[in-house]
Protein backbone atom coordinates (compact mmCIF):
# COMPACT_ATOMS: atom_id res chain seq x y z
CA MET A 1 69.10 96.92 114.09
CA ASP A 2 71.47 98.76 111.78
CA LEU A 3 71.40 96.75 108.55
CA ARG A 4 74.33 98.69 107.08
CA TYR A 5 76.70 97.08 109.57
CA LYS A 6 74.97 93.75 110.05
CA TYR A 7 75.20 92.95 106.34
CA PHE A 8 77.73 95.38 104.92
CA GLY A 9 80.19 96.22 107.71
CA VAL A 10 83.65 94.85 106.96
CA ASP A 11 87.04 95.01 108.64
CA PHE A 12 89.20 97.12 106.32
CA ARG A 13 92.98 97.25 106.33
CA LEU A 14 95.20 98.83 103.70
CA ALA A 15 98.88 98.01 103.38
CA VAL A 16 101.11 99.10 100.50
CA GLY A 17 104.53 97.59 100.07
CA GLY A 18 104.33 96.16 103.58
CA ILE A 19 103.52 99.58 105.07
CA GLU A 20 100.29 99.82 107.09
CA ILE A 21 98.37 102.82 105.72
CA THR A 22 95.21 102.29 107.78
CA PRO A 23 94.90 100.83 111.27
CA GLN A 24 93.71 97.28 111.78
CA GLY A 25 90.20 96.77 113.07
CA GLN A 26 88.66 99.65 111.15
CA VAL A 27 85.07 98.69 110.27
CA VAL A 28 83.70 100.34 107.13
CA THR A 29 80.58 99.97 105.03
CA LEU A 30 81.48 97.75 102.06
CA VAL A 31 79.20 99.32 99.45
CA ASP A 32 80.37 102.85 100.32
CA LEU A 33 83.99 101.69 100.15
CA MET A 34 83.40 100.04 96.77
CA PHE A 35 81.92 103.22 95.27
CA SER A 36 84.79 105.31 96.65
CA LEU A 37 87.37 102.89 95.25
CA LEU A 38 85.61 102.81 91.89
CA PHE A 39 85.81 106.59 91.65
CA ALA A 40 89.50 106.55 92.66
CA LEU A 41 90.15 103.79 90.10
CA GLU A 42 88.61 105.92 87.34
CA ARG A 43 90.76 108.91 88.29
CA ILE A 44 94.01 106.92 88.43
CA SER A 45 93.10 105.18 85.13
CA SER A 46 92.72 108.58 83.48
CA GLY A 47 96.11 109.80 84.74
CA GLN A 48 94.79 111.95 87.59
CA ASP A 49 95.47 111.77 91.29
CA GLY A 50 92.73 110.23 93.38
CA ALA A 51 91.47 109.81 96.90
CA PHE A 52 88.85 107.89 98.81
CA GLY A 53 87.30 108.32 102.20
CA PHE A 54 85.05 106.54 104.62
CA THR A 55 81.50 107.11 105.80
CA GLU A 56 82.49 106.05 109.32
CA ASN A 57 85.40 108.43 109.97
CA ASP A 58 87.21 111.43 108.54
CA ASP A 59 90.26 109.56 107.23
CA VAL A 60 91.06 110.20 103.56
CA ILE A 61 93.40 107.95 101.58
CA HIS A 62 95.33 110.01 99.05
CA LEU A 63 96.56 108.48 95.78
CA ARG A 64 99.24 110.57 94.08
CA GLN A 65 100.79 109.56 90.79
CA GLU A 66 104.53 109.88 90.32
CA SER A 67 105.95 108.51 87.10
CA ASP A 68 104.84 104.84 86.93
CA SER A 69 103.93 104.66 90.62
CA VAL A 70 101.03 105.52 92.87
CA ILE A 71 101.98 106.97 96.26
CA VAL A 72 99.40 106.03 98.90
CA SER A 73 99.03 107.96 102.15
CA SER A 74 96.46 108.61 104.85
CA SER A 75 95.31 111.95 106.19
CA LYS A 76 95.62 110.41 109.67
CA GLY A 77 99.13 109.03 109.37
CA SER A 78 102.64 110.09 108.51
CA VAL A 79 103.60 107.04 106.44
CA GLU A 80 103.21 106.49 102.75
CA GLY A 81 103.65 103.50 100.48
CA SER A 82 104.42 103.20 96.81
CA VAL A 83 103.04 100.73 94.30
CA ASN A 84 103.44 100.33 90.55
CA ARG A 85 100.50 102.04 88.79
CA GLU A 86 99.53 98.92 86.80
CA GLU A 87 99.68 96.78 89.92
CA PHE A 88 97.48 99.29 91.75
CA LEU A 89 94.92 99.23 88.94
CA GLY A 90 94.93 95.43 88.67
CA GLU A 91 94.67 94.82 92.42
CA THR A 92 91.90 97.39 92.81
CA VAL A 93 89.87 95.79 89.99
CA ARG A 94 90.46 92.35 91.51
CA PHE A 95 89.41 93.57 94.96
CA LEU A 96 86.26 95.24 93.64
CA SER A 97 85.32 92.16 91.59
CA GLU A 98 85.79 89.87 94.60
CA CYS A 99 83.74 92.21 96.79
CA PHE A 100 80.91 92.27 94.25
CA SER A 101 80.91 88.48 93.92
CA ARG A 102 80.88 87.96 97.67
CA LEU A 103 78.19 90.60 98.19
CA VAL A 104 75.74 89.06 95.70
CA ALA A 105 76.59 85.53 96.87
CA GLU A 106 75.62 86.46 100.43
CA VAL A 107 72.57 88.53 99.45
CA PRO A 108 71.45 87.24 96.00
CA GLU A 109 68.63 89.79 95.74
CA LEU A 110 71.26 92.53 95.43
CA SER A 111 72.26 91.25 91.98
CA VAL A 112 69.18 92.97 90.49
CA ASN A 113 69.59 96.19 92.47
CA PRO A 114 70.44 98.98 89.97
CA THR A 115 72.81 100.72 92.40
CA ILE A 116 74.71 97.52 93.18
CA GLN A 117 74.84 96.63 89.46
CA ARG A 118 76.93 99.79 88.92
CA LEU A 119 79.65 98.11 90.99
CA ARG A 120 79.94 95.16 88.63
CA LEU A 121 83.17 95.45 86.65
CA GLU A 122 83.21 93.76 83.29
């Protein structure tokens, strides 16, 4: 049994401004995704461009800052979406916080895991 997918595999879909950036039905490992998003969040917060990828495939989501916006695109697609930088930061923090809460609610023992604790945003 592959515990990574039994307990941590999630259906991931990314849409920005109504534009589908990733295909529906893409299963990714939640903890890996959370760490990738956390790193991207730190880069965007510090005024840099960012990116995040997936353990399961070679797709890379690029995050490019232009003025007060973040332009989001996929290495596997030709579309891109734009979102206000502050909205991107707020929604990413909200998403990560909800993921952490759901993760430790489903597997309470993870709340004391030092690696998982690094994903807790305060």
